[in-house]
Protein backbone atom coordinates (compact mmCIF):
# COMPACT_ATOMS: atom_id res chain seq x y z
CA MET A 1 18.92 157.65 -36.33
CA LYS A 2 18.51 161.42 -36.33
CA ASN A 3 18.03 161.59 -32.55
CA ILE A 4 21.67 160.67 -32.01
CA THR A 5 24.57 162.73 -33.20
CA LEU A 6 27.57 160.45 -32.71
CA LEU A 7 30.46 162.63 -31.71
CA LYS A 8 33.71 160.83 -31.07
CA ALA A 9 35.92 162.50 -28.52
CA LYS A 10 39.25 162.17 -30.30
CA VAL A 11 38.45 164.33 -33.26
CA GLY A 12 41.58 166.34 -33.80
CA ILE A 13 42.42 169.98 -33.36
CA LEU A 14 39.85 172.71 -33.69
CA ALA A 15 40.59 174.75 -36.79
CA VAL A 16 39.95 178.08 -35.18
CA SER A 17 42.06 180.99 -34.10
CA CYS A 18 41.80 181.60 -30.37
CA LEU A 19 42.93 184.33 -28.08
CA SER A 20 44.48 183.34 -24.76
CA ILE A 21 42.36 183.54 -21.65
CA THR A 22 43.74 186.01 -19.15
CA THR A 23 40.87 186.50 -16.76
CA LEU A 24 39.51 184.02 -14.28
CA PHE A 25 35.80 184.21 -13.64
CA ALA A 26 34.16 183.51 -10.36
CA CYS A 27 31.64 180.73 -10.59
CA VAL A 28 29.15 183.27 -11.45
CA ASP A 29 25.96 183.03 -9.54
CA LYS A 30 26.79 186.54 -8.42
CA ASP A 31 24.54 186.44 -5.37
CA ALA A 32 25.64 183.01 -4.27
CA ARG A 33 29.21 182.49 -5.41
CA SER A 34 30.97 185.81 -4.96
CA ASP A 35 33.21 184.33 -2.27
CA LEU A 36 35.08 181.76 -4.35
CA SER A 37 38.75 181.93 -3.58
CA PRO A 38 41.72 179.88 -4.77
CA ASN A 39 43.22 180.18 -1.29
CA LEU A 40 40.72 177.96 0.50
CA PRO A 41 42.09 174.72 1.98
CA THR A 42 42.17 171.59 -0.12
CA ASP A 43 39.23 169.26 0.45
CA GLN A 44 40.12 166.08 2.30
CA ALA A 45 37.15 164.19 0.87
CA GLN A 46 37.73 163.27 -2.75
CA ASN A 47 35.68 161.41 -5.30
CA GLY A 48 37.01 158.38 -7.11
CA ASP A 49 38.82 158.08 -10.42
CA PHE A 50 36.42 158.36 -13.33
CA GLY A 51 38.89 157.09 -15.90
CA ASP A 52 40.07 158.40 -19.25
CA GLN A 53 39.07 161.99 -19.86
CA GLY A 54 38.39 161.18 -23.48
CA GLY A 55 41.18 163.01 -25.25
CA GLY A 56 39.66 165.82 -27.28
CA SER A 57 41.27 169.10 -28.22
CA ASP A 58 43.15 171.50 -25.97
CA GLN A 59 42.73 174.22 -28.60
CA GLY A 60 39.26 175.18 -27.44
CA LEU A 61 37.77 178.62 -27.66
CA ASN A 62 38.24 181.44 -25.24
CA PHE A 63 35.33 180.52 -22.98
CA PRO A 64 35.26 181.77 -19.38
CA VAL A 65 37.49 179.92 -16.94
CA PHE A 66 35.85 179.22 -13.60
CA ASP A 67 38.00 179.56 -10.53
CA ASP A 68 36.68 176.47 -8.77
CA GLY A 69 38.37 174.30 -11.41
CA VAL A 70 36.81 171.75 -13.72
CA LEU A 71 34.09 170.05 -11.70
CA ALA A 72 30.88 168.33 -12.71
CA PHE A 73 29.93 171.91 -13.62
CA PRO A 74 30.82 175.29 -12.13
CA GLY A 75 29.27 175.58 -8.70
CA ALA A 76 29.14 171.84 -7.99
CA GLU A 77 29.68 171.15 -4.31
CA GLY A 78 30.12 168.35 -1.83
CA TYR A 79 30.73 164.67 -2.26
CA GLY A 80 29.49 164.55 -5.85
CA LYS A 81 31.25 167.63 -7.18
CA ASN A 82 33.94 165.78 -9.18
CA VAL A 83 31.57 163.66 -11.23
CA THR A 84 32.26 163.90 -14.96
CA GLY A 85 29.15 162.33 -16.50
CA ALA A 86 29.55 161.58 -20.19
CA ARG A 87 32.50 163.96 -20.52
CA ALA A 88 35.07 161.28 -19.69
CA GLY A 89 34.25 158.80 -22.43
CA GLU A 90 35.85 158.51 -25.86
CA GLY A 91 32.55 157.25 -27.29
CA ARG A 92 30.42 160.04 -25.84
CA GLU A 93 27.52 161.16 -27.97
CA ILE A 94 24.79 163.78 -28.05
CA TYR A 95 21.23 162.46 -27.83
CA HIS A 96 18.34 164.77 -28.71
CA VAL A 97 14.98 164.31 -26.99
CA THR A 98 12.69 165.16 -29.90
CA ASN A 99 9.22 164.24 -28.63
CA LEU A 100 7.05 163.95 -25.52
CA ASN A 101 6.35 160.25 -25.91
CA ASP A 102 6.76 157.89 -22.98
CA ALA A 103 8.96 155.55 -25.01
CA GLY A 104 10.45 154.98 -28.44
CA PRO A 105 13.04 156.81 -30.55
CA GLY A 106 13.48 160.43 -29.52
CA SER A 107 11.87 159.92 -26.10
CA PHE A 108 13.51 160.72 -22.79
CA ARG A 109 13.22 157.08 -21.79
CA ASP A 110 15.20 156.08 -24.87
CA ALA A 111 17.70 158.86 -24.26
CA VAL A 112 18.73 157.48 -20.87
CA SER A 113 18.75 153.84 -21.98
CA LYS A 114 22.49 153.82 -22.77
CA PRO A 115 25.61 155.22 -21.11
CA TRP A 116 28.00 157.87 -22.42
CA ARG A 117 25.24 160.19 -23.58
CA ILE A 118 24.93 163.94 -23.19
CA ILE A 119 21.19 164.48 -23.33
CA VAL A 120 19.73 167.70 -24.74
CA PHE A 121 16.14 168.65 -25.44
CA ASP A 122 14.63 169.87 -28.71
CA VAL A 123 11.08 170.01 -27.30
CA SER A 124 9.25 171.37 -24.30
CA GLY A 125 6.15 170.20 -22.49
CA VAL A 126 4.82 167.47 -20.20
CA ILE A 127 5.98 163.88 -20.69
CA LYS A 128 3.29 161.61 -19.24
CA LEU A 129 5.05 158.47 -18.11
CA SER A 130 3.84 154.92 -17.80
CA SER A 131 4.13 153.03 -14.52
CA ASN A 132 7.44 151.54 -15.65
CA PRO A 133 10.23 153.51 -13.98
CA ILE A 134 12.73 155.46 -16.03
CA VAL A 135 16.14 154.08 -15.05
CA LEU A 136 19.14 156.36 -15.49
CA LYS A 137 22.41 154.77 -16.58
CA SER A 138 26.05 155.35 -15.75
CA ASN A 139 28.20 158.01 -17.41
CA GLN A 140 25.37 160.29 -18.49
CA THR A 141 24.94 164.05 -18.47
CA ILE A 142 21.35 165.34 -18.57
CA LEU A 143 21.01 169.04 -19.49
CA GLY A 144 17.35 169.85 -18.94
CA HIS A 145 17.86 173.59 -19.36
CA THR A 146 18.64 173.13 -23.06
CA ALA A 147 14.90 172.63 -23.66
CA PRO A 148 13.09 175.48 -25.45
CA GLY A 149 9.95 177.14 -24.12
CA ASP A 150 9.14 176.39 -20.48
CA GLY A 151 11.22 173.23 -20.33
CA ILE A 152 10.32 169.63 -19.54
CA VAL A 153 8.18 167.95 -16.87
CA LEU A 154 8.18 164.19 -16.23
CA TYR A 155 4.70 163.45 -14.86
CA ASN A 156 2.79 160.45 -13.52
CA GLY A 157 5.91 158.29 -13.21
CA ARG A 158 9.12 157.77 -11.32
CA VAL A 159 12.83 158.00 -12.02
CA SER A 160 15.45 155.70 -10.53
CA ALA A 161 19.20 156.27 -10.47
CA SER A 162 19.87 152.95 -8.74
CA GLY A 163 22.86 151.15 -10.18
CA ALA A 164 24.27 154.24 -11.88
CA GLN A 165 27.84 155.46 -11.60
CA ASN A 166 29.16 158.88 -12.62
CA LEU A 167 25.89 160.68 -13.33
CA ILE A 168 25.06 164.39 -13.77
CA VAL A 169 21.38 165.41 -13.72
CA ARG A 170 20.53 169.09 -14.13
CA TYR A 171 17.34 171.14 -14.49
CA LEU A 172 14.91 168.23 -14.52
CA ARG A 173 11.36 168.27 -13.11
CA ILE A 174 10.09 164.95 -11.78
CA ARG A 175 6.49 164.98 -10.56
CA MET A 176 5.06 161.57 -9.72
CA GLY A 177 1.46 162.34 -8.78
CA ALA A 178 -1.50 160.63 -7.16
CA ALA A 179 -2.38 158.60 -10.27
CA TYR A 180 0.77 156.51 -9.99
CA PRO A 181 -0.36 152.99 -9.06
CA SER A 182 2.26 152.18 -6.39
CA GLU A 183 3.44 153.76 -3.16
CA LEU A 184 6.98 154.55 -4.32
CA ASP A 185 9.47 157.41 -4.42
CA ALA A 186 9.30 160.01 -7.17
CA CYS A 187 13.07 159.69 -7.52
CA GLY A 188 15.68 157.72 -5.64
CA ILE A 189 18.93 155.84 -5.31
CA ALA A 190 19.17 152.40 -3.69
CA ASN A 191 22.71 151.64 -4.89
CA GLY A 192 25.32 153.34 -7.02
CA ALA A 193 27.91 156.04 -6.60
CA ASN A 194 29.31 159.34 -7.85
CA MET A 195 26.21 161.33 -8.78
CA ILE A 196 25.07 164.92 -8.62
CA PHE A 197 21.54 166.28 -8.96
CA ASP A 198 21.39 170.04 -9.48
CA HIS A 199 18.50 172.46 -9.99
CA CYS A 200 15.89 169.72 -10.08
CA SER A 201 12.27 169.88 -8.88
CA MET A 202 10.95 166.67 -7.38
CA THR A 203 7.38 166.60 -6.11
CA TRP A 204 4.28 164.51 -5.43
CA GLY A 205 6.01 161.33 -4.34
CA LYS A 206 3.74 158.69 -2.83
CA ASP A 207 6.44 157.27 -0.57
CA GLU A 208 9.25 159.83 -0.60
CA CYS A 209 9.98 162.63 -3.05
CA PHE A 210 13.72 161.93 -3.26
CA SER A 211 15.52 159.25 -1.26
CA ILE A 212 18.89 157.64 -0.86
CA ASN A 213 18.34 154.36 0.95
CA PRO A 214 20.69 151.37 0.49
CA ASP A 215 19.14 148.09 -0.60
CA GLY A 216 22.25 145.98 0.00
CA LYS A 217 22.79 145.37 -3.70
CA GLY A 218 25.67 146.51 -5.87
CA THR A 219 27.68 149.53 -4.75
CA ALA A 220 26.41 151.19 -1.59
CA PRO A 221 25.36 154.81 -2.26
CA LYS A 222 28.33 157.14 -1.90
CA ASN A 223 29.75 160.42 -3.23
CA ILE A 224 26.34 161.91 -3.96
CA THR A 225 25.24 165.56 -3.99
CA ILE A 226 21.71 166.95 -4.15
CA GLN A 227 21.88 170.73 -4.50
CA ASN A 228 19.80 173.74 -5.54
CA SER A 229 16.67 171.59 -5.82
CA ILE A 230 13.05 171.57 -4.65
CA ILE A 231 11.88 168.48 -2.79
CA GLY A 232 8.26 169.06 -1.98
CA GLN A 233 4.60 168.27 -1.65
CA GLY A 234 4.93 164.62 -0.76
CA LEU A 235 1.43 163.22 -1.00
CA GLN A 236 -0.59 162.00 1.96
CA ASN A 237 -1.03 159.60 3.52
CA HIS A 238 2.77 159.28 3.42
CA SER A 239 3.95 162.83 2.82
CA CYS A 240 7.75 162.64 3.09
CA GLY A 241 10.62 164.66 1.76
CA GLY A 242 12.96 161.71 1.79
CA LEU A 243 15.51 159.43 3.38
CA MET A 244 19.15 160.46 3.06
CA GLN A 245 20.84 157.38 4.46
CA THR A 246 24.33 156.07 3.81
CA ASP A 247 26.86 154.40 6.05
CA ILE A 248 29.61 156.16 7.94
CA SER A 249 32.15 155.79 5.12
CA ASN A 250 29.97 156.90 2.19
CA GLY A 251 29.21 160.58 1.94
CA CYS A 252 26.16 162.54 0.81
CA THR A 253 25.81 166.32 0.52
CA ILE A 254 22.45 168.10 0.73
CA PHE A 255 23.15 171.71 -0.18
CA ARG A 256 20.95 174.74 -0.77
CA ASN A 257 17.66 172.92 -1.36
CA LEU A 258 14.06 173.74 -0.49
CA TYR A 259 12.06 171.15 1.42
CA ILE A 260 8.44 172.30 1.36
CA ASP A 261 4.98 170.95 2.24
CA ASN A 262 6.17 167.55 3.45
CA LYS A 263 4.67 166.19 6.66
CA THR A 264 7.90 164.51 7.72
CA ARG A 265 11.45 163.49 6.73
CA ASN A 266 12.76 166.86 5.60
CA PRO A 267 14.98 164.81 5.41
CA LYS A 268 15.73 161.77 7.60
CA VAL A 269 19.50 161.43 7.81
CA LYS A 270 21.92 158.65 8.69
CA GLY A 271 25.60 158.10 7.95
CA LEU A 272 28.15 160.54 6.55
CA ASN A 273 26.12 163.60 5.61
CA GLN A 274 26.34 167.35 5.02
CA PHE A 275 23.14 169.41 5.34
CA VAL A 276 24.06 173.00 4.54
CA ASN A 277 22.18 176.16 3.48
CA ASN A 278 18.83 174.44 3.05
CA VAL A 279 15.40 175.95 3.71
CA VAL A 280 12.68 173.78 5.27
CA TYR A 281 9.16 175.22 5.11
CA ASN A 282 5.73 174.09 6.29
CA TRP A 283 6.49 170.64 7.60
CA GLY A 284 3.94 168.73 9.63
CA SER A 285 3.62 166.77 12.81
CA GLY A 286 6.18 164.15 11.76
CA ALA A 287 9.58 165.82 11.53
CA ALA A 288 11.57 168.56 9.89
CA TYR A 289 15.15 167.26 10.14
CA ASN A 290 15.04 163.72 11.52
CA MET A 291 18.32 162.63 13.09
CA GLY A 292 18.02 159.01 12.09
CA GLY A 293 15.46 158.27 14.77
CA ASP A 294 16.83 156.10 17.55
CA SER A 295 18.12 153.41 15.22
CA SER A 296 21.57 151.92 15.51
CA GLY A 297 24.46 152.84 13.26
CA LYS A 298 27.03 155.61 13.36
CA SER A 299 26.41 159.02 11.81
CA GLU A 300 28.92 161.80 11.24
CA THR A 301 27.08 164.90 10.09
CA THR A 302 27.30 168.62 9.69
CA ILE A 303 24.13 170.74 9.89
CA GLU A 304 25.05 174.32 9.09
CA ASN A 305 23.32 177.59 8.25
CA ASN A 306 19.87 176.23 7.45
CA TYR A 307 16.53 178.01 7.92
CA PHE A 308 13.50 176.19 9.37
CA ILE A 309 10.29 178.18 8.82
CA VAL A 310 6.92 177.12 10.21
CA GLY A 311 3.95 177.32 7.84
CA PRO A 312 0.19 176.99 8.37
CA CYS A 313 0.64 173.23 8.81
CA ASN A 314 -2.72 172.33 7.30
CA ASN A 315 -2.99 168.75 6.17
CA TRP A 316 -5.37 167.05 3.75
CA GLN A 317 -6.30 163.58 4.95
CA ASN A 318 -9.16 161.11 4.91
CA VAL A 319 -11.58 161.75 7.76
CA GLU A 320 -14.25 159.24 8.80
CA ILE A 321 -17.55 161.12 8.53
CA ALA A 322 -19.73 158.05 9.11
CA PRO A 323 -18.96 154.41 9.91
CA LYS A 324 -16.47 153.31 7.20
CA VAL A 325 -17.25 156.41 5.14
CA TYR A 326 -14.29 158.72 4.53
CA GLU A 327 -13.91 162.17 3.06
CA ALA A 328 -10.79 164.19 2.30
CA GLN A 329 -10.68 167.16 4.63
CA GLN A 330 -8.16 169.78 5.59
CA VAL A 331 -7.07 169.22 9.18
CA PRO A 332 -4.72 171.48 11.15
CA MET A 333 -1.63 169.95 12.77
CA ASN A 334 0.96 171.07 15.24
CA PRO A 335 4.37 171.08 13.58
CA ALA A 336 7.18 169.05 15.06
CA ARG A 337 10.24 170.81 16.39
CA PRO A 338 13.01 171.52 13.85
CA PHE A 339 15.14 168.56 14.97
CA THR A 340 13.80 165.23 16.15
CA GLY A 341 15.34 161.88 17.00
CA GLY A 342 19.02 161.24 17.41
CA ASN A 343 21.01 159.37 20.03
CA SER A 344 24.67 159.42 21.04
CA ASP A 345 25.63 157.59 17.82
CA PHE A 346 24.41 160.59 15.82
CA ARG A 347 27.36 163.00 15.88
CA SER A 348 26.80 166.45 14.44
CA TYR A 349 28.46 169.80 14.03
CA CYS A 350 25.28 171.86 14.28
CA LYS A 351 25.84 175.61 13.91
CA GLY A 352 24.21 178.67 12.38
CA ASN A 353 20.71 177.19 12.05
CA TYR A 354 17.65 179.41 12.48
CA TYR A 355 14.06 178.66 13.46
CA ASP A 356 11.23 181.05 12.51
CA TYR A 357 8.09 179.82 14.26
CA ASP A 358 5.79 182.85 14.58
CA LYS A 359 4.21 182.91 11.06
CA ASP A 360 4.23 186.71 11.01
CA GLY A 361 5.23 187.18 7.37
CA ALA A 362 8.77 188.29 8.23
CA LEU A 363 12.01 186.35 8.29
CA ASN A 364 13.02 186.85 11.91
CA GLY A 365 13.95 183.48 13.34
CA ILE A 366 16.10 182.69 16.35
CA GLU A 367 19.36 180.80 16.21
CA ILE A 368 19.31 177.28 17.58
CA THR A 369 22.25 176.77 19.93
CA GLU A 370 23.35 174.30 22.57
CA VAL A 371 21.87 176.66 25.16
CA ASN A 372 18.30 176.49 23.80
CA TRP A 373 18.58 173.05 22.18
CA SER A 374 16.17 171.27 24.50
CA GLN A 375 13.54 173.98 24.00
CA TYR A 376 13.40 173.68 20.23
CA CYS A 377 14.74 170.21 19.55
CA SER A 378 14.13 166.70 20.78
CA GLY A 379 16.59 163.84 20.86
CA SER A 380 20.05 163.64 22.36
CA PRO A 381 22.67 163.61 19.59
CA THR A 382 26.35 164.15 20.25
CA LEU A 383 26.95 167.80 19.37
CA LEU A 384 30.46 168.57 18.12
CA GLU A 385 32.54 171.70 18.51
CA ALA A 386 34.26 171.32 15.15
CA ARG A 387 33.31 170.03 11.72
CA SER A 388 34.68 166.60 10.88
CA ASP A 389 37.62 166.51 8.47
CA LEU A 390 35.77 163.77 6.60
CA HIS A 391 33.53 166.36 4.95
CA PRO A 392 34.55 168.30 1.83
CA ILE A 393 34.62 172.06 2.06
CA ILE A 394 31.59 173.83 0.58
CA ARG A 395 33.12 176.93 -0.95
CA SER A 396 29.87 178.79 -1.64
CA GLN A 397 28.40 178.30 1.84
CA LYS A 398 26.51 181.35 3.12
CA SER A 399 24.58 182.38 6.21
CA ALA A 400 21.08 181.01 6.75
CA GLN A 401 19.59 184.40 5.81
CA GLU A 402 21.58 184.55 2.57
CA ALA A 403 20.64 180.94 1.80
CA TYR A 404 16.95 181.83 2.10
CA GLU A 405 17.36 184.74 -0.30
CA TRP A 406 19.23 182.57 -2.80
CA VAL A 407 16.60 179.82 -2.61
CA VAL A 408 13.82 182.30 -3.34
CA GLU A 409 15.67 183.51 -6.42
CA LYS A 410 17.16 180.39 -7.97
CA VAL A 411 16.22 177.07 -6.38
CA GLY A 412 14.73 174.34 -8.55
CA ALA A 413 14.62 174.04 -12.33
CA TYR A 414 14.44 177.80 -12.85
CA LEU A 415 15.82 177.50 -16.39
CA PRO A 416 14.59 177.92 -19.02
CA VAL A 417 11.90 179.43 -16.73
CA ARG A 418 10.28 178.48 -13.45
CA ASP A 419 7.12 176.53 -14.15
CA GLU A 420 3.78 177.22 -12.50
CA VAL A 421 4.23 174.56 -9.83
CA ASP A 422 7.55 175.92 -8.61
CA LYS A 423 6.23 179.49 -8.73
CA TYR A 424 3.32 178.38 -6.55
CA LEU A 425 5.69 176.80 -4.03
CA ILE A 426 7.96 179.85 -3.91
CA ASP A 427 4.89 182.03 -3.34
CA GLU A 428 4.02 179.84 -0.37
CA LEU A 429 7.56 180.13 0.99
CA THR A 430 7.74 183.91 0.69
CA SER A 431 4.48 184.27 2.62
CA LEU A 432 6.61 183.23 5.61
CA GLY A 433 3.86 181.43 7.44
CA GLY A 434 0.76 182.66 5.64
CA LYS A 435 0.45 180.00 2.93
CA GLY A 436 1.17 176.30 2.61
CA THR A 437 -0.72 173.02 2.52
CA ILE A 438 0.28 169.38 2.81
CA ILE A 439 -1.80 167.78 0.06
CA GLN A 440 -3.19 164.37 -0.75
CA ASP A 441 -3.91 164.66 -4.48
CA GLU A 442 -2.44 167.30 -6.79
CA ARG A 443 -5.33 166.81 -9.24
CA LYS A 444 -7.93 168.17 -6.80
CA THR A 445 -8.05 171.92 -7.15
CA GLU A 446 -9.41 172.46 -3.65
CA GLN A 447 -6.09 171.06 -2.45
CA PHE A 448 -3.79 172.36 -5.19
CA PRO A 449 -5.27 175.10 -7.40
CA LEU A 450 -3.24 174.17 -10.49
CA GLY A 451 -4.78 170.70 -10.57
CA GLY A 452 -1.57 169.15 -11.90
CA PRO A 453 1.66 170.26 -13.56
CA GLY A 454 0.13 173.43 -14.99
CA THR A 455 0.79 174.88 -18.43
CA ILE A 456 4.20 174.22 -19.96
CA ASN A 457 4.49 176.47 -22.99
CA ALA A 458 6.14 175.00 -26.05
CA ALA A 459 8.57 176.71 -28.40
CA GLN A 460 10.73 175.86 -31.38
CA LYS A 461 14.34 175.01 -30.69
CA PRO A 462 16.93 177.44 -32.10
CA LEU A 463 18.32 176.71 -35.56
CA ASP A 464 21.01 174.03 -35.31
CA SER A 465 22.28 173.16 -38.79
CA ASP A 466 24.54 170.28 -37.80
CA ASN A 467 22.20 168.94 -35.07
CA ASP A 468 24.96 168.83 -32.47
CA GLY A 469 22.94 170.52 -29.71
CA MET A 470 24.56 173.94 -30.11
CA PRO A 471 22.51 176.59 -31.95
CA ASP A 472 24.01 178.18 -35.04
CA ALA A 473 24.04 181.57 -33.32
CA PHE A 474 26.22 180.21 -30.51
CA GLU A 475 28.60 178.46 -32.90
CA ASP A 476 28.90 181.54 -35.10
CA ALA A 477 29.61 183.77 -32.12
CA TRP A 478 32.30 181.50 -30.70
CA GLY A 479 34.05 180.56 -33.92
CA LEU A 480 32.80 177.00 -34.10
CA ASP A 481 31.67 175.31 -37.30
CA LYS A 482 27.88 175.12 -37.46
CA TYR A 483 28.18 172.46 -40.14
CA ASP A 484 30.52 170.20 -38.15
CA PRO A 485 28.53 167.84 -35.89
CA THR A 486 31.68 166.69 -34.10
CA ASP A 487 32.74 169.93 -32.43
CA ALA A 488 30.14 169.73 -29.66
CA VAL A 489 32.15 167.12 -27.75
CA LYS A 490 35.56 168.67 -28.26
CA GLU A 491 37.13 169.93 -25.08
CA ALA A 492 37.64 173.67 -24.80
CA LYS A 493 40.53 175.32 -22.97
CA ASN A 494 38.45 175.83 -19.84
CA GLY A 495 38.16 172.05 -19.45
CA TYR A 496 34.49 171.72 -20.37
CA LEU A 497 33.16 170.36 -23.64
CA ASN A 498 31.78 172.85 -26.15
CA ILE A 499 28.26 171.50 -25.59
CA GLU A 500 28.73 172.03 -21.85
CA ASN A 501 29.87 175.59 -22.50
CA TYR A 502 26.72 176.19 -24.51
CA ALA A 503 24.63 174.96 -21.56
CA LEU A 504 26.69 177.09 -19.16
CA SER A 505 26.11 180.16 -21.33
CA LEU A 506 22.40 179.78 -20.58
CA GLU A 507 23.14 179.97 -16.85
CA TYR A 508 25.85 182.61 -16.93
CA PRO A 509 25.03 184.89 -19.89
CA ASP A 510 26.83 187.93 -18.50
CA GLU A 511 30.10 186.09 -18.05
CA TYR A 512 29.98 184.55 -21.50
CA GLU A 513 29.04 187.88 -23.08
CA TYR A 514 31.93 189.57 -21.29
CA GLU A 515 34.43 186.97 -22.50
CA LEU A 516 33.01 187.12 -26.01
CA ASN A 517 33.49 190.87 -26.09
CA LYS A 518 37.08 190.42 -24.90
CA ASN A 519 37.69 188.10 -27.83
CA LYS A 520 36.63 190.87 -30.21
CA GLN A 521 39.07 193.42 -28.81
């Protein structure tokens, strides 16, 4: 099967000559991660044991070393930051997505059908899914930014991570759409633990766009991070960002995301939850941040340095124009206040959050404090003076203003490039009140001018002689063997696999170029 390159972890010592690494690199989103410091306190919240690290070689090349340690990937934050994906398994393998088919060999559906796979992409374009959900498995690493061209879009279907353990999902676009036959989430987790979703774009859900909502089966959702992602354009008549609901002992981190063009649930939160450095734009009459409603159950939350920005708040919905005759029309709404719901069981450290309500095209919001809480927020949560020790430290946390600037630049699946849908949404956001619509059907151009996922340009993948997921040019530059299909899953000195270092070089080219030049000195 040419789609799978079986790469056993215990493969011996790399036969290369390596220089020693003497320089530590910051975790290199320069705008967003310049504050990393080894002197920060140790996190009190820790993820579980993910088992054997798979052996491998400690003679790896002189790749950059990231000063936040070996995490799911450099820059991982929150409850899911220590996930290892397929890295930990001795039987890990590279799987190549080689076509845009819904199913069969080389398809994305086939790629995620088994655990211990590192999934790379040899093709770019739109994968039109059937109504059968794609179900992610445990111990997988999905590297969507390895796709050539404009990357990959999963369209007309849904993705479920329910039941998974130890899962890394990066740079994936999931766009359900109005044609999907059921009122379900575009992506979600009903049970399972130890997952991180990073730089994803999840839109056009018919129930929610992305939800964590326990179903009482298997392992209750815990140790989950959603970061750097777009959660937007939930479709009417149930336009929702999503539920983020765990219990008080199982943590979820929502960090540096963009919630946009959802009528309500941006998100709705219960349980042990961090909501930090997010931007919420153009919500509707339902809710921006919903503090669990008035339902029972304890919540221990932190809501820090987020920006809530009011948009036009126009809403496409069915309007009765004659008895039992309906027509989709754009109807204006009054947006809800930034925070709704919440009773004394909802405990929150709520600081540094800003509300920009004047739609004047400038970012000039006011800070929400205990003094003006009743003016801008409903509900009566218990507001805390200090952050709970239950929550892990977010090392790259910034101010609300800085979070907005970072989101504009890098949120969503911006690699290999931002697609037309995400560009459209960022254009709405940067209008700061001038643009934005809550839509009913992405196919109708009067509601959404692109009429669907837009154009995803294809390209040939780089030459890869041994089909291990690393291009020949990368292997040549870093002293690897472009004819050895086993070196991709060998562990380098910086703690990441060689295939992971290739993927990281796409994100952090300056840092990898700098280290490569050092090797030549």
